[in-house]
Protein backbone atom coordinates (compact mmCIF):
# COMPACT_ATOMS: atom_id res chain seq x y z
CA MET A 1 20.83 -22.62 52.44
CA ARG A 2 17.77 -24.99 53.08
CA ARG A 3 16.47 -25.59 56.32
CA ARG A 4 15.34 -29.06 57.51
CA LEU A 5 13.01 -29.38 60.52
CA ALA A 6 14.67 -31.38 63.43
CA ARG A 7 12.63 -34.34 63.84
CA THR A 8 14.03 -36.04 67.07
CA LEU A 9 15.97 -34.81 70.18
CA ARG A 10 18.91 -36.14 68.22
CA ASP A 11 18.71 -33.79 65.72
CA VAL A 12 18.98 -30.97 68.14
CA PRO A 13 22.58 -29.48 68.30
CA PRO A 14 24.01 -28.99 71.63
CA PRO A 15 24.01 -25.18 73.02
CA PRO A 16 24.79 -22.82 72.23
CA ARG A 17 22.63 -23.31 69.14
CA LYS A 18 23.68 -21.03 66.25
CA ALA A 19 20.48 -18.63 65.62
CA GLY A 20 20.46 -15.42 64.31
CA PHE A 21 17.85 -12.46 64.74
CA LEU A 22 16.32 -13.51 61.46
CA ASP A 23 15.60 -17.13 62.53
CA GLY A 24 13.50 -15.47 65.26
CA ALA A 25 11.99 -12.77 63.20
CA ALA A 26 10.58 -15.11 60.69
CA ALA A 27 8.19 -16.43 63.29
CA HIS A 28 6.81 -12.67 63.66
CA LEU A 29 7.35 -11.42 60.30
CA PRO A 30 3.51 -10.48 60.02
CA GLU A 31 3.51 -8.37 62.87
CA ILE A 32 6.78 -6.65 62.41
CA ALA A 33 5.72 -5.70 58.91
CA ALA A 34 2.33 -4.52 59.93
CA TRP A 35 3.39 -2.10 62.42
CA ALA A 36 6.45 -1.12 60.49
CA GLY A 37 4.36 -0.28 57.84
CA LEU A 38 1.62 1.44 60.08
CA SER A 39 4.61 3.80 61.62
CA ALA A 40 5.93 4.62 58.16
CA LEU A 41 2.54 5.38 56.80
CA SER A 42 1.63 7.40 59.84
CA ALA A 43 5.18 9.34 59.57
CA ALA A 44 4.52 10.25 56.11
CA ILE A 45 1.13 11.29 56.70
CA LEU A 46 2.54 13.71 59.43
CA ALA A 47 4.96 15.08 57.68
CA VAL A 48 2.93 16.00 54.47
CA VAL A 49 0.24 17.42 57.11
CA SER A 50 2.92 19.29 58.92
CA ALA A 51 4.57 20.81 56.00
CA VAL A 52 1.44 21.92 54.46
CA ASN A 53 -0.03 23.36 57.63
CA GLY A 54 3.28 24.88 58.52
CA SER A 55 3.36 27.17 55.39
CA PHE A 56 0.34 29.22 56.54
CA PRO A 57 -0.26 31.41 59.52
CA PRO A 58 -1.32 29.45 62.64
CA CYS A 59 -4.92 28.85 63.62
CA PRO A 60 -6.36 31.35 65.71
CA ASP A 61 -9.19 29.27 67.23
CA LEU A 62 -6.52 26.91 68.50
CA ARG A 63 -3.89 29.17 69.66
CA LEU A 64 -5.65 32.29 71.05
CA SER A 65 -7.84 32.85 73.88
CA LEU A 66 -11.11 34.77 73.90
CA THR A 67 -9.47 37.66 75.75
CA GLU A 68 -6.72 37.77 73.07
CA GLN A 69 -9.20 37.85 70.13
CA ILE A 70 -10.66 41.04 68.61
CA SER A 71 -12.81 41.43 65.41
CA VAL A 72 -12.35 43.97 62.56
CA GLY A 73 -13.78 44.25 59.01
CA GLY A 74 -12.07 43.02 56.12
CA THR A 75 -12.63 42.59 52.26
CA ILE A 76 -12.14 38.96 50.29
CA SER A 77 -9.69 39.44 47.78
CA ALA A 78 -9.47 36.12 46.24
CA SER A 79 -11.22 32.59 46.39
CA GLU A 80 -9.03 29.84 44.79
CA SER A 81 -9.71 25.90 44.63
CA VAL A 82 -6.60 24.06 45.59
CA ARG A 83 -5.89 20.53 46.42
CA PHE A 84 -3.98 19.00 49.15
CA PRO A 85 -3.02 15.28 50.16
CA PHE A 86 -5.81 13.80 52.19
CA ALA A 87 -7.78 17.32 52.52
CA PRO A 88 -11.45 17.29 51.76
CA PRO A 89 -12.54 17.61 48.00
CA GLY A 90 -13.52 21.11 47.16
CA THR A 91 -11.35 22.92 49.57
CA ARG A 92 -10.80 26.61 48.61
CA ARG A 93 -8.08 29.09 49.58
CA ILE A 94 -9.55 32.41 50.77
CA ARG A 95 -7.60 35.43 50.69
CA PHE A 96 -8.86 38.49 52.55
CA THR A 97 -7.43 42.03 53.56
CA TYR A 98 -7.95 43.91 56.78
CA THR A 99 -6.63 46.87 58.57
CA LYS A 100 -5.53 47.09 62.36
CA GLY A 101 -4.66 50.75 62.95
CA ASP A 102 -2.72 52.23 60.04
CA VAL A 103 -1.39 49.00 58.83
CA SER A 104 -2.93 46.93 56.11
CA TYR A 105 -2.29 43.03 56.12
CA GLU A 106 -3.29 40.02 53.89
CA GLY A 107 -4.67 36.83 55.48
CA VAL A 108 -5.82 33.26 53.91
CA SER A 109 -7.99 30.66 55.31
CA TYR A 110 -9.20 27.29 54.06
CA THR A 111 -12.54 25.71 54.00
CA SER A 112 -14.67 23.31 51.99
CA ASP A 113 -18.03 23.94 53.23
CA PRO A 114 -20.32 25.03 50.34
CA SER A 115 -22.16 27.64 52.69
CA VAL A 116 -19.15 29.04 54.17
CA ILE A 117 -17.59 29.32 50.49
CA SER A 118 -21.03 31.11 49.29
CA LYS A 119 -20.26 33.67 51.97
CA TYR A 120 -17.05 34.95 50.62
CA PRO A 121 -17.01 35.96 47.10
CA PRO A 122 -14.18 38.11 45.53
CA GLY A 123 -14.96 41.54 46.83
CA ALA A 124 -17.49 40.96 49.73
CA MET A 125 -16.87 42.48 53.24
CA CYS A 126 -16.17 39.88 55.96
CA PRO A 127 -15.55 39.75 59.50
CA VAL A 128 -11.75 38.63 60.58
CA VAL A 129 -10.67 37.65 64.02
CA LEU A 130 -7.23 38.49 64.71
CA ASP A 131 -4.49 38.61 67.57
CA ALA A 132 -4.86 41.93 69.47
CA GLU A 133 -0.68 41.79 70.14
CA ASN A 134 -0.09 40.28 66.54
CA PRO A 135 -2.35 41.23 63.78
CA ARG A 136 -0.74 39.14 61.58
CA LEU A 137 -2.42 36.03 63.09
CA ALA A 138 -6.01 36.33 61.83
CA ALA A 139 -8.35 34.18 60.35
CA LEU A 140 -12.17 34.45 59.06
CA GLU A 141 -14.62 33.98 61.60
CA SER A 142 -16.46 30.72 60.03
CA ALA A 143 -13.49 29.54 58.02
CA ARG A 144 -9.93 27.70 59.16
CA PRO A 145 -6.59 29.32 57.87
CA CYS A 146 -5.28 25.85 57.99
CA PRO A 147 -6.10 23.06 55.41
CA TYR A 148 -6.12 20.31 58.03
CA PRO A 149 -7.66 20.47 61.71
CA TRP A 150 -5.29 19.86 64.72
CA TRP A 151 -6.84 16.37 65.16
CA VAL A 152 -5.40 15.00 61.82
CA PRO A 153 -1.76 15.83 62.79
CA ALA A 154 -2.77 14.62 66.26
CA GLY A 155 -3.95 11.59 65.04
CA ALA A 156 -1.12 10.69 62.82
CA ALA A 157 1.09 11.03 65.75
CA VAL A 158 -0.88 8.83 68.02
CA ALA A 159 -0.81 6.29 65.36
CA LEU A 160 2.94 6.64 64.96
CA ALA A 161 3.68 6.17 68.49
CA ALA A 162 1.18 3.22 68.47
CA GLY A 163 3.02 1.72 65.69
CA ALA A 164 6.49 2.42 66.83
CA VAL A 165 5.40 0.68 70.47
CA LEU A 166 3.88 -2.31 68.71
CA LEU A 167 7.01 -2.77 66.35
CA ALA A 168 9.13 -2.68 69.55
CA LEU A 169 7.09 -5.33 70.98
CA ALA A 170 7.26 -7.47 68.08
CA VAL A 171 10.99 -7.00 67.66
CA ARG A 172 11.27 -7.97 71.51
CA SER A 173 9.26 -11.09 71.00
CA ALA A 174 11.99 -12.07 68.11
CA ARG A 175 14.44 -11.60 70.35
CA ALA A 176 12.96 -13.63 72.96
CA THR A 177 12.55 -16.41 70.17
CA VAL A 178 16.13 -16.04 69.41
CA ALA A 179 17.18 -16.62 73.12
CA VAL A 180 14.94 -19.74 73.00
CA LEU A 181 16.52 -21.01 69.99
CA ARG A 182 20.01 -20.42 71.39
CA GLY A 183 19.83 -21.63 74.82
CA GLY A 184 16.25 -23.12 75.40
CA ALA A 185 15.52 -26.40 77.26
CA ALA A 186 14.97 -29.34 74.57
CA THR A 187 12.03 -31.59 74.84
CA THR A 188 9.96 -34.08 72.60
CA GLY A 189 6.60 -32.39 71.41
CA THR A 190 3.58 -33.68 69.44
CA ALA A 191 2.69 -32.05 65.92
CA LEU A 192 -0.79 -31.05 65.86
CA VAL A 193 -1.31 -29.07 62.15
CA CYS A 194 1.21 -28.26 59.59
CA ARG A 195 0.45 -25.65 56.82
CA ILE A 196 2.27 -24.45 53.95
CA GLY A 197 1.67 -20.95 52.47
CA GLY A 198 3.73 -18.79 50.11
CA GLY A 199 3.38 -17.37 46.86
CA ARG A 200 4.48 -18.27 43.02
CA PHE A 201 7.19 -15.62 43.01
CA LEU A 202 10.43 -17.01 44.47
CA SER A 203 8.69 -19.58 46.48
CA ARG A 204 11.64 -20.93 48.13
CA ILE A 205 12.41 -17.75 49.75
CA PHE A 206 8.77 -16.61 50.63
CA ARG A 207 7.32 -20.18 51.46
CA ARG A 208 5.91 -20.08 54.82
CA VAL A 209 5.76 -23.26 56.71
CA THR A 210 3.55 -23.01 59.93
CA ILE A 211 3.49 -25.77 62.48
CA GLN A 212 1.09 -26.07 65.66
CA TYR A 213 2.67 -28.56 68.45
CA SER A 214 2.04 -29.25 71.95
CA PHE A 215 4.62 -30.34 74.68
CA GLU A 216 5.04 -31.16 78.33
CA ASP A 217 6.75 -28.76 80.43
CA LEU A 218 9.10 -29.49 83.47
CA SER A 219 5.54 -29.26 85.82
CA GLY A 220 3.75 -31.86 83.62
CA ARG A 221 1.41 -29.31 82.17
CA ILE A 222 0.59 -29.21 78.33
CA VAL A 223 1.47 -26.46 76.61
CA ARG A 224 0.58 -25.53 72.66
CA GLY A 225 2.75 -23.74 70.56
CA LYS A 226 2.90 -22.45 67.08
CA PHE A 227 6.01 -21.55 65.11
CA THR A 228 6.66 -20.28 61.41
CA PHE A 229 9.47 -21.17 59.13
CA ARG A 230 10.36 -18.91 56.13
CA GLY A 231 12.04 -20.37 53.11
CA ALA A 232 11.85 -24.11 54.84
CA GLU A 233 12.54 -27.48 53.22
CA VAL A 234 9.15 -29.01 52.87
CA SER A 235 10.23 -32.43 52.09
CA ASN A 236 10.40 -33.48 55.69
CA LEU A 237 7.53 -32.14 57.41
CA PRO A 238 5.94 -33.78 60.04
CA ALA A 239 2.66 -35.25 59.91
CA PRO A 240 -0.01 -34.95 62.68
CA GLY A 241 0.80 -36.80 65.68
CA ALA A 242 4.51 -37.04 64.55
CA GLN A 243 7.32 -36.25 67.44
CA VAL A 244 8.95 -32.95 66.91
CA ALA A 245 11.93 -31.45 68.95
CA VAL A 246 10.71 -28.46 70.86
CA LEU A 247 12.93 -25.81 72.61
CA TYR A 248 11.28 -23.87 75.47
CA ASP A 249 12.19 -21.32 78.34
CA GLU A 250 12.09 -23.59 81.46
CA GLY A 251 10.61 -20.39 83.48
CA ARG A 252 8.22 -18.95 81.07
CA PRO A 253 7.24 -22.13 78.80
CA HIS A 254 5.05 -19.98 76.52
CA LEU A 255 8.04 -18.96 75.02
CA ASN A 256 8.85 -21.91 72.80
CA ALA A 257 10.06 -22.96 69.30
CA LEU A 258 10.76 -25.62 66.90
CA TRP A 259 14.42 -26.22 65.53
CA ALA A 260 15.34 -26.11 61.82
CA GLU A 261 19.10 -27.17 60.94
CA GLU A 262 20.86 -25.43 57.94
CA THR A 263 21.64 -28.46 55.53
CA GLY A 264 23.61 -26.57 52.99
CA PRO A 265 22.53 -25.67 49.34
CA PRO A 266 20.20 -27.41 47.22
CA PRO A 267 21.46 -29.74 44.93
CA ALA A 268 22.24 -28.51 41.16
């Protein structure tokens, strides 16, 4: 279906106007796509980091107070080069053994600091910090047991929450635009600027037509607006200074839109 911009009030169909969510979302597509992408990327990072960190003992420096920690002697059993997504280059897995009472344990820590790596060659003695009540919870004093520090998943979680909130606000704006298209008051405005954009691939679908315009609300105030059509017909676009049909919320004039009618399929 092609869309033809309504040029005068005579072209605006009477309420209720047939407008769907996609008609409102088209005007807010960049924001919706950006915040949806941020949410998806943050969720992926959070999932990867949580999965990797969850495979190893919790970090004593984050979960234990000083009164719960004790230090014992240990021995480095292995130092291995590993790679994790988003982890610093040169990260190594350092395995160590230690004894608490009559029981021997094995622990693992990670570090990318060359000065720390040089301190723990295989066979070297090392100080180990562990939980006095749960000796399995242990780490080397100067190396982290988890590949990612706490602020990496925390930052991803904050970005995910921010993306979700901003996406919800963009969807809310799209719904408000739909409400204006369906039941807004009609008036005549003046086209100010008209821009056409879009790629070569499937240009009829992805073509963007952005029109800036101004109109007068019920109080006589001049309100400026901007509206974007997706896949619009470009043969009947208004020139600067031409009249256009504007729909707006009488109580909130900043909520406004232009109307485009479906004119049927393109000729063969």
